[in-house]
Amino acid sequence: MSNYIQIQAQIEQLQKEAEAARKREIAETIANIKKAIQVFGLTAEDLGLDTLIKGKRGRKPGKAAAKKAGAKGAKKAGAKRRGRPPKAAGKTAAKAGRKLAKAKTTAKKSKAPKDKRSVVAPKYRDSATGATWTGRGKQPKWLAAALASGKKIDDFKI
């Protein structure tokens, strides 16, 4: 029987073998892909890689120049300010709050959106009380009590 240290050594050896096999298979796969590309004359666009090449990933062009110029240089160049707008001069928080409250009361009230959840038909009914359960969520107390007393859930199916 092997002890823990021997098993750990076996695991380490198997991991090394697996990594070597993985590298070998990757090299074979890359060679096969290169050969297929050459034979069929495939392009990056044919393989769907054009989005990666055209700069869809990573930094957008022109960001480096703006970053070098600094925030002040970007403002002078006419770039839009990002983030929260500056507070209006001369207005206190109370005045701004009153204006906001007034604007809310005068604004048109829109209808509340309808509930998008679907209605599920009940699957179980208590014949004594008429209570129903859809079979979703926690079992209702009337069903749990009936099951505890020895009845089967199939007795309540609709």
N, C-alpha and C. Protein backbone atom coordinates (compact mmCIF):
# COMPACT_ATOMS: atom_id res chain seq x y z
N MET A 1 0.83 -1.18 0.00
CA MET A 1 0.00 0.00 0.00
C MET A 1 0.88 1.25 0.00
N SER A 2 0.52 2.23 -0.82
CA SER A 2 1.30 3.45 -0.95
C SER A 2 0.95 4.42 0.17
N ASN A 3 1.96 5.19 0.54
CA ASN A 3 1.67 6.21 1.54
C ASN A 3 1.45 7.55 0.85
N TYR A 4 1.12 8.55 1.61
CA TYR A 4 0.74 9.86 1.09
C TYR A 4 1.85 10.49 0.25
N ILE A 5 3.07 10.42 0.69
CA ILE A 5 4.19 11.05 -0.03
C ILE A 5 4.38 10.40 -1.39
N GLN A 6 4.28 9.07 -1.46
CA GLN A 6 4.42 8.37 -2.74
C GLN A 6 3.30 8.76 -3.71
N ILE A 7 2.09 8.88 -3.19
CA ILE A 7 0.96 9.26 -4.04
C ILE A 7 1.16 10.68 -4.56
N GLN A 8 1.62 11.60 -3.71
CA GLN A 8 1.89 12.97 -4.14
C GLN A 8 2.95 13.01 -5.23
N ALA A 9 3.98 12.16 -5.12
CA ALA A 9 5.02 12.10 -6.14
C ALA A 9 4.45 11.57 -7.46
N GLN A 10 3.56 10.58 -7.37
CA GLN A 10 2.92 10.05 -8.57
C GLN A 10 2.05 11.13 -9.24
N ILE A 11 1.32 11.89 -8.43
CA ILE A 11 0.49 12.97 -8.97
C ILE A 11 1.35 13.98 -9.68
N GLU A 12 2.46 14.36 -9.07
CA GLU A 12 3.37 15.33 -9.67
C GLU A 12 3.92 14.82 -11.00
N GLN A 13 4.30 13.55 -11.03
CA GLN A 13 4.83 12.95 -12.26
C GLN A 13 3.76 12.92 -13.35
N LEU A 14 2.53 12.55 -12.99
CA LEU A 14 1.45 12.50 -13.96
C LEU A 14 1.11 13.90 -14.49
N GLN A 15 1.19 14.92 -13.63
CA GLN A 15 0.93 16.29 -14.07
C GLN A 15 1.98 16.73 -15.08
N LYS A 16 3.24 16.34 -14.84
CA LYS A 16 4.31 16.69 -15.78
C LYS A 16 4.08 16.00 -17.12
N GLU A 17 3.69 14.73 -17.07
CA GLU A 17 3.42 13.99 -18.31
C GLU A 17 2.23 14.60 -19.06
N ALA A 18 1.19 14.99 -18.31
CA ALA A 18 0.01 15.59 -18.93
C ALA A 18 0.38 16.91 -19.60
N GLU A 19 1.19 17.72 -18.95
CA GLU A 19 1.60 19.01 -19.53
C GLU A 19 2.44 18.79 -20.79
N ALA A 20 3.32 17.79 -20.77
CA ALA A 20 4.12 17.50 -21.95
C ALA A 20 3.23 17.03 -23.10
N ALA A 21 2.23 16.19 -22.80
CA ALA A 21 1.31 15.72 -23.83
C ALA A 21 0.49 16.88 -24.38
N ARG A 22 0.09 17.78 -23.51
CA ARG A 22 -0.68 18.96 -23.93
C ARG A 22 0.14 19.82 -24.89
N LYS A 23 1.38 20.09 -24.54
CA LYS A 23 2.24 20.91 -25.40
C LYS A 23 2.46 20.24 -26.75
N ARG A 24 2.66 18.91 -26.74
CA ARG A 24 2.86 18.17 -27.98
C ARG A 24 1.62 18.25 -28.87
N GLU A 25 0.43 18.08 -28.26
CA GLU A 25 -0.81 18.13 -29.02
C GLU A 25 -1.09 19.55 -29.54
N ILE A 26 -0.74 20.57 -28.77
CA ILE A 26 -0.91 21.95 -29.22
C ILE A 26 -0.04 22.19 -30.45
N ALA A 27 1.22 21.73 -30.39
CA ALA A 27 2.12 21.93 -31.52
C ALA A 27 1.59 21.23 -32.77
N GLU A 28 1.06 20.01 -32.61
CA GLU A 28 0.50 19.28 -33.75
C GLU A 28 -0.74 20.01 -34.31
N THR A 29 -1.58 20.50 -33.43
CA THR A 29 -2.79 21.20 -33.85
C THR A 29 -2.44 22.48 -34.60
N ILE A 30 -1.47 23.23 -34.10
CA ILE A 30 -1.05 24.47 -34.76
C ILE A 30 -0.49 24.16 -36.14
N ALA A 31 0.29 23.08 -36.24
CA ALA A 31 0.84 22.70 -37.54
C ALA A 31 -0.27 22.34 -38.51
N ASN A 32 -1.28 21.60 -38.05
CA ASN A 32 -2.42 21.23 -38.91
C ASN A 32 -3.20 22.47 -39.35
N ILE A 33 -3.40 23.42 -38.43
CA ILE A 33 -4.13 24.65 -38.77
C ILE A 33 -3.35 25.45 -39.81
N LYS A 34 -2.05 25.59 -39.59
CA LYS A 34 -1.22 26.35 -40.55
C LYS A 34 -1.27 25.71 -41.94
N LYS A 35 -1.23 24.38 -41.96
CA LYS A 35 -1.28 23.67 -43.22
C LYS A 35 -2.61 23.90 -43.92
N ALA A 36 -3.73 23.84 -43.16
CA ALA A 36 -5.07 24.06 -43.73
C ALA A 36 -5.21 25.49 -44.23
N ILE A 37 -4.66 26.45 -43.51
CA ILE A 37 -4.71 27.85 -43.93
C ILE A 37 -3.98 28.03 -45.25
N GLN A 38 -2.83 27.38 -45.36
CA GLN A 38 -2.03 27.49 -46.58
C GLN A 38 -2.73 26.80 -47.75
N VAL A 39 -3.28 25.62 -47.52
CA VAL A 39 -3.91 24.86 -48.59
C VAL A 39 -5.15 25.56 -49.12
N PHE A 40 -6.00 26.06 -48.21
CA PHE A 40 -7.26 26.66 -48.61
C PHE A 40 -7.20 28.17 -48.79
N GLY A 41 -6.09 28.78 -48.46
CA GLY A 41 -5.94 30.23 -48.61
C GLY A 41 -6.87 31.01 -47.69
N LEU A 42 -7.03 30.55 -46.46
CA LEU A 42 -7.92 31.20 -45.51
C LEU A 42 -7.31 32.49 -44.97
N THR A 43 -8.19 33.44 -44.62
CA THR A 43 -7.76 34.69 -44.02
C THR A 43 -8.31 34.78 -42.60
N ALA A 44 -7.85 35.80 -41.86
CA ALA A 44 -8.35 36.00 -40.50
C ALA A 44 -9.85 36.29 -40.52
N GLU A 45 -10.30 36.99 -41.56
CA GLU A 45 -11.73 37.30 -41.69
C GLU A 45 -12.53 36.02 -41.89
N ASP A 46 -12.00 35.06 -42.68
CA ASP A 46 -12.68 33.79 -42.90
C ASP A 46 -12.84 33.03 -41.59
N LEU A 47 -11.88 33.17 -40.70
CA LEU A 47 -11.91 32.45 -39.44
C LEU A 47 -12.64 33.21 -38.33
N GLY A 48 -13.10 34.42 -38.64
CA GLY A 48 -13.80 35.21 -37.64
C GLY A 48 -12.88 35.93 -36.70
N LEU A 49 -11.63 36.08 -37.07
CA LEU A 49 -10.65 36.74 -36.21
C LEU A 49 -10.47 38.20 -36.56
N ASP A 50 -11.21 38.70 -37.54
CA ASP A 50 -11.04 40.08 -37.98
C ASP A 50 -11.42 41.08 -36.90
N THR A 51 -12.33 40.71 -36.01
CA THR A 51 -12.70 41.63 -34.94
C THR A 51 -11.55 41.82 -33.97
N LEU A 52 -10.75 40.79 -33.78
CA LEU A 52 -9.59 40.91 -32.89
C LEU A 52 -8.50 41.76 -33.54
N ILE A 53 -8.36 41.63 -34.83
CA ILE A 53 -7.30 42.34 -35.54
C ILE A 53 -7.64 43.81 -35.72
N LYS A 54 -8.91 44.14 -35.93
CA LYS A 54 -9.31 45.51 -36.22
C LYS A 54 -9.38 46.40 -34.99
N GLY A 55 -8.92 45.93 -33.85
CA GLY A 55 -8.86 46.78 -32.67
C GLY A 55 -10.12 46.79 -31.85
N LYS A 56 -10.94 45.79 -31.95
CA LYS A 56 -12.15 45.74 -31.15
C LYS A 56 -11.81 45.44 -29.69
N ARG A 57 -10.66 44.89 -29.46
CA ARG A 57 -10.22 44.60 -28.10
C ARG A 57 -9.14 45.59 -27.72
N GLY A 58 -9.01 45.84 -26.46
CA GLY A 58 -7.95 46.71 -25.99
C GLY A 58 -8.31 48.17 -26.09
N ARG A 59 -7.32 49.02 -26.00
CA ARG A 59 -7.51 50.45 -25.97
C ARG A 59 -7.89 50.98 -27.35
N LYS A 60 -8.78 51.96 -27.36
CA LYS A 60 -9.20 52.57 -28.62
C LYS A 60 -8.10 53.49 -29.11
N PRO A 61 -7.97 53.64 -30.43
CA PRO A 61 -6.95 54.53 -30.95
C PRO A 61 -7.21 55.97 -30.51
N GLY A 62 -6.13 56.69 -30.26
CA GLY A 62 -6.25 58.08 -29.88
C GLY A 62 -6.26 58.30 -28.38
N LYS A 63 -6.42 57.26 -27.60
CA LYS A 63 -6.43 57.40 -26.15
C LYS A 63 -5.04 57.75 -25.62
N ALA A 64 -4.00 57.21 -26.26
CA ALA A 64 -2.64 57.45 -25.79
C ALA A 64 -2.29 58.93 -25.91
N ALA A 65 -2.68 59.56 -27.00
CA ALA A 65 -2.38 60.96 -27.20
C ALA A 65 -3.09 61.82 -26.17
N ALA A 66 -4.35 61.50 -25.87
CA ALA A 66 -5.10 62.26 -24.88
C ALA A 66 -4.51 62.07 -23.50
N LYS A 67 -4.04 60.87 -23.21
CA LYS A 67 -3.46 60.59 -21.91
C LYS A 67 -2.15 61.35 -21.73
N LYS A 68 -1.35 61.43 -22.80
CA LYS A 68 -0.09 62.15 -22.73
C LYS A 68 -0.32 63.64 -22.51
N ALA A 69 -1.34 64.19 -23.14
CA ALA A 69 -1.62 65.61 -23.02
C ALA A 69 -2.11 65.97 -21.63
N GLY A 70 -2.69 65.01 -20.92
CA GLY A 70 -3.19 65.25 -19.58
C GLY A 70 -4.62 65.73 -19.63
N ALA A 71 -5.25 65.82 -18.46
CA ALA A 71 -6.65 66.21 -18.39
C ALA A 71 -6.85 67.64 -18.88
N LYS A 72 -5.95 68.55 -18.51
CA LYS A 72 -6.11 69.94 -18.93
C LYS A 72 -5.97 70.07 -20.44
N GLY A 73 -5.02 69.34 -21.00
CA GLY A 73 -4.83 69.39 -22.44
C GLY A 73 -6.02 68.83 -23.18
N ALA A 74 -6.66 67.80 -22.62
CA ALA A 74 -7.83 67.20 -23.25
C ALA A 74 -9.00 68.17 -23.23
N LYS A 75 -9.14 68.95 -22.12
CA LYS A 75 -10.22 69.93 -22.05
C LYS A 75 -10.02 71.01 -23.09
N LYS A 76 -8.78 71.44 -23.26
CA LYS A 76 -8.49 72.49 -24.23
C LYS A 76 -8.75 72.00 -25.65
N ALA A 77 -8.54 70.72 -25.87
CA ALA A 77 -8.72 70.17 -27.21
C ALA A 77 -10.20 70.01 -27.55
N GLY A 78 -11.09 70.28 -26.59
CA GLY A 78 -12.52 70.20 -26.86
C GLY A 78 -13.13 68.86 -26.49
N ALA A 79 -12.44 68.05 -25.72
CA ALA A 79 -12.98 66.75 -25.32
C ALA A 79 -14.07 66.96 -24.29
N LYS A 80 -15.07 66.09 -24.29
CA LYS A 80 -16.16 66.20 -23.33
C LYS A 80 -15.67 65.81 -21.95
N ARG A 81 -16.22 66.45 -20.94
CA ARG A 81 -15.88 66.16 -19.56
C ARG A 81 -16.59 64.88 -19.16
N ARG A 82 -15.92 64.04 -18.40
CA ARG A 82 -16.51 62.79 -17.94
C ARG A 82 -16.86 62.90 -16.47
N GLY A 83 -17.88 62.17 -16.04
CA GLY A 83 -18.24 62.14 -14.63
C GLY A 83 -19.37 63.09 -14.29
N ARG A 84 -19.54 63.35 -13.01
CA ARG A 84 -20.62 64.19 -12.52
C ARG A 84 -20.37 65.64 -12.90
N PRO A 85 -21.40 66.36 -13.34
CA PRO A 85 -21.20 67.76 -13.70
C PRO A 85 -20.89 68.59 -12.47
N PRO A 86 -20.19 69.70 -12.63
CA PRO A 86 -19.85 70.54 -11.47
C PRO A 86 -21.11 71.20 -10.91
N LYS A 87 -21.07 71.53 -9.61
CA LYS A 87 -22.21 72.17 -8.97
C LYS A 87 -22.39 73.56 -9.54
N ALA A 88 -23.64 73.98 -9.67
CA ALA A 88 -23.94 75.30 -10.19
C ALA A 88 -23.55 76.35 -9.16
N ALA A 89 -22.93 77.42 -9.61
CA ALA A 89 -22.46 78.46 -8.70
C ALA A 89 -23.65 79.22 -8.15
N GLY A 90 -23.66 79.48 -6.83
CA GLY A 90 -24.70 80.29 -6.20
C GLY A 90 -25.92 79.50 -5.78
N LYS A 91 -26.03 78.25 -6.11
CA LYS A 91 -27.20 77.46 -5.72
C LYS A 91 -26.83 76.61 -4.51
N THR A 92 -27.69 76.63 -3.55
CA THR A 92 -27.47 75.78 -2.40
C THR A 92 -28.16 74.45 -2.63
N ALA A 93 -27.87 73.50 -1.79
CA ALA A 93 -28.48 72.18 -1.91
C ALA A 93 -29.99 72.26 -1.70
N ALA A 94 -30.42 73.17 -0.81
CA ALA A 94 -31.86 73.29 -0.54
C ALA A 94 -32.59 73.80 -1.76
N LYS A 95 -32.04 74.82 -2.42
CA LYS A 95 -32.68 75.36 -3.61
C LYS A 95 -32.75 74.29 -4.71
N ALA A 96 -31.67 73.59 -4.88
CA ALA A 96 -31.64 72.56 -5.91
C ALA A 96 -32.66 71.47 -5.60
N GLY A 97 -32.79 71.12 -4.33
CA GLY A 97 -33.75 70.09 -3.92
C GLY A 97 -35.17 70.53 -4.17
N ARG A 98 -35.50 71.81 -3.87
CA ARG A 98 -36.85 72.31 -4.11
C ARG A 98 -37.18 72.32 -5.59
N LYS A 99 -36.23 72.72 -6.41
CA LYS A 99 -36.47 72.73 -7.85
C LYS A 99 -36.71 71.32 -8.37
N LEU A 100 -35.94 70.38 -7.86
CA LEU A 100 -36.10 68.99 -8.29
C LEU A 100 -37.46 68.46 -7.88
N ALA A 101 -37.90 68.77 -6.65
CA ALA A 101 -39.20 68.30 -6.17
C ALA A 101 -40.32 68.91 -7.01
N LYS A 102 -40.20 70.19 -7.33
CA LYS A 102 -41.21 70.86 -8.14
C LYS A 102 -41.28 70.24 -9.54
N ALA A 103 -40.12 69.94 -10.11
CA ALA A 103 -40.07 69.34 -11.44
C ALA A 103 -40.72 67.96 -11.43
N LYS A 104 -40.54 67.21 -10.34
CA LYS A 104 -41.12 65.87 -10.27
C LYS A 104 -42.64 65.92 -10.20
N THR A 105 -43.18 66.91 -9.47
CA THR A 105 -44.63 66.98 -9.33
C THR A 105 -45.29 67.45 -10.61
N THR A 106 -44.61 68.28 -11.39
CA THR A 106 -45.20 68.78 -12.62
C THR A 106 -44.99 67.82 -13.80
N ALA A 107 -44.08 66.88 -13.64
CA ALA A 107 -43.82 65.94 -14.72
C ALA A 107 -45.00 65.00 -14.91
N LYS A 108 -45.19 64.53 -16.13
CA LYS A 108 -46.26 63.60 -16.44
C LYS A 108 -46.00 62.26 -15.76
N LYS A 109 -47.03 61.73 -15.15
CA LYS A 109 -46.87 60.44 -14.50
C LYS A 109 -47.08 59.35 -15.54
N SER A 110 -46.13 58.41 -15.58
CA SER A 110 -46.25 57.32 -16.54
C SER A 110 -46.83 56.10 -15.85
N LYS A 111 -47.45 55.25 -16.62
CA LYS A 111 -48.02 54.02 -16.08
C LYS A 111 -46.90 53.09 -15.65
N ALA A 112 -47.15 52.34 -14.59
CA ALA A 112 -46.17 51.37 -14.12
C ALA A 112 -46.08 50.24 -15.13
N PRO A 113 -44.88 49.73 -15.37
CA PRO A 113 -44.75 48.63 -16.32
C PRO A 113 -45.45 47.38 -15.81
N LYS A 114 -46.00 46.62 -16.73
CA LYS A 114 -46.70 45.39 -16.36
C LYS A 114 -45.70 44.35 -15.90
N ASP A 115 -46.15 43.47 -15.04
CA ASP A 115 -45.31 42.40 -14.52
C ASP A 115 -45.03 41.40 -15.63
N LYS A 116 -43.77 41.08 -15.84
CA LYS A 116 -43.39 40.20 -16.95
C LYS A 116 -43.36 38.73 -16.55
N ARG A 117 -43.62 38.44 -15.29
CA ARG A 117 -43.60 37.03 -14.87
C ARG A 117 -44.80 36.29 -15.45
N SER A 118 -44.59 35.03 -15.78
CA SER A 118 -45.68 34.25 -16.36
C SER A 118 -46.51 33.61 -15.25
N VAL A 119 -47.77 33.38 -15.53
CA VAL A 119 -48.67 32.74 -14.58
C VAL A 119 -48.61 31.24 -14.82
N VAL A 120 -48.44 30.50 -13.74
CA VAL A 120 -48.32 29.05 -13.83
C VAL A 120 -49.60 28.42 -13.31
N ALA A 121 -50.11 27.45 -14.02
CA ALA A 121 -51.34 26.77 -13.61
C ALA A 121 -51.05 25.89 -12.40
N PRO A 122 -52.00 25.82 -11.47
CA PRO A 122 -51.78 24.98 -10.29
C PRO A 122 -51.79 23.49 -10.66
N LYS A 123 -50.99 22.72 -9.94
CA LYS A 123 -50.91 21.28 -10.20
C LYS A 123 -51.52 20.46 -9.07
N TYR A 124 -51.65 21.07 -7.88
CA TYR A 124 -52.15 20.34 -6.72
C TYR A 124 -53.28 21.15 -6.08
N ARG A 125 -54.32 20.44 -5.59
CA ARG A 125 -55.46 21.12 -4.96
C ARG A 125 -55.89 20.33 -3.73
N ASP A 126 -56.20 21.07 -2.67
CA ASP A 126 -56.76 20.47 -1.45
C ASP A 126 -58.27 20.45 -1.63
N SER A 127 -58.85 19.26 -1.68
CA SER A 127 -60.29 19.14 -1.95
C SER A 127 -61.12 19.70 -0.80
N ALA A 128 -60.60 19.71 0.41
CA ALA A 128 -61.36 20.19 1.56
C ALA A 128 -61.47 21.72 1.56
N THR A 129 -60.37 22.40 1.28
CA THR A 129 -60.38 23.86 1.36
C THR A 129 -60.38 24.53 -0.01
N GLY A 130 -59.99 23.82 -1.03
CA GLY A 130 -59.90 24.40 -2.37
C GLY A 130 -58.58 25.12 -2.62
N ALA A 131 -57.66 25.08 -1.66
CA ALA A 131 -56.36 25.73 -1.82
C ALA A 131 -55.55 25.00 -2.88
N THR A 132 -54.76 25.77 -3.66
CA THR A 132 -53.97 25.16 -4.73
C THR A 132 -52.49 25.49 -4.56
N TRP A 133 -51.67 24.71 -5.28
CA TRP A 133 -50.23 24.92 -5.29
C TRP A 133 -49.72 24.57 -6.68
N THR A 134 -48.81 25.39 -7.22
CA THR A 134 -48.31 25.19 -8.57
C THR A 134 -47.22 24.13 -8.64
N GLY A 135 -46.66 23.77 -7.52
CA GLY A 135 -45.56 22.80 -7.53
C GLY A 135 -44.21 23.50 -7.50
N ARG A 136 -44.23 24.83 -7.46
CA ARG A 136 -42.99 25.61 -7.40
C ARG A 136 -42.83 26.19 -6.01
N GLY A 137 -41.59 26.30 -5.59
CA GLY A 137 -41.31 26.90 -4.29
C GLY A 137 -41.58 25.93 -3.16
N LYS A 138 -41.62 26.49 -1.96
CA LYS A 138 -41.82 25.68 -0.77
C LYS A 138 -43.26 25.15 -0.73
N GLN A 139 -43.38 23.91 -0.25
CA GLN A 139 -44.71 23.30 -0.16
C GLN A 139 -45.56 24.08 0.84
N PRO A 140 -46.84 24.29 0.54
CA PRO A 140 -47.71 24.97 1.50
C PRO A 140 -47.95 24.09 2.73
N LYS A 141 -48.35 24.74 3.81
CA LYS A 141 -48.52 24.02 5.08
C LYS A 141 -49.58 22.94 4.98
N TRP A 142 -50.68 23.20 4.24
CA TRP A 142 -51.74 22.21 4.14
C TRP A 142 -51.24 20.94 3.46
N LEU A 143 -50.35 21.08 2.47
CA LEU A 143 -49.82 19.91 1.76
C LEU A 143 -48.79 19.19 2.61
N ALA A 144 -47.93 19.96 3.27
CA ALA A 144 -46.91 19.35 4.12
C ALA A 144 -47.56 18.57 5.25
N ALA A 145 -48.62 19.11 5.84
CA ALA A 145 -49.32 18.40 6.92
C ALA A 145 -49.97 17.12 6.41
N ALA A 146 -50.56 17.19 5.22
CA ALA A 146 -51.22 16.01 4.66
C ALA A 146 -50.20 14.93 4.33
N LEU A 147 -49.04 15.32 3.81
CA LEU A 147 -48.01 14.34 3.51
C LEU A 147 -47.45 13.73 4.78
N ALA A 148 -47.34 14.53 5.83
CA ALA A 148 -46.85 14.02 7.11
C ALA A 148 -47.83 13.03 7.73
N SER A 149 -49.11 13.21 7.44
CA SER A 149 -50.12 12.30 8.01
C SER A 149 -50.21 10.98 7.24
N GLY A 150 -49.46 10.85 6.14
CA GLY A 150 -49.42 9.58 5.43
C GLY A 150 -50.01 9.59 4.04
N LYS A 151 -50.58 10.70 3.62
CA LYS A 151 -51.13 10.76 2.26
C LYS A 151 -49.99 10.93 1.26
N LYS A 152 -50.31 10.63 -0.01
CA LYS A 152 -49.32 10.75 -1.08
C LYS A 152 -49.61 12.02 -1.88
N ILE A 153 -48.57 12.59 -2.46
CA ILE A 153 -48.72 13.82 -3.22
C ILE A 153 -49.60 13.60 -4.45
N ASP A 154 -49.62 12.39 -4.97
CA ASP A 154 -50.44 12.08 -6.15
C ASP A 154 -51.94 12.20 -5.83
N ASP A 155 -52.31 12.11 -4.55
CA ASP A 155 -53.72 12.24 -4.15
C ASP A 155 -54.23 13.65 -4.39
N PHE A 156 -53.32 14.63 -4.47
CA PHE A 156 -53.72 16.03 -4.61
C PHE A 156 -53.57 16.58 -6.01
N LYS A 157 -53.09 15.76 -6.96
CA LYS A 157 -52.91 16.23 -8.33
C LYS A 157 -54.24 16.62 -8.96
N ILE A 158 -54.18 17.66 -9.75
CA ILE A 158 -55.40 18.15 -10.43
C ILE A 158 -55.54 17.40 -11.73
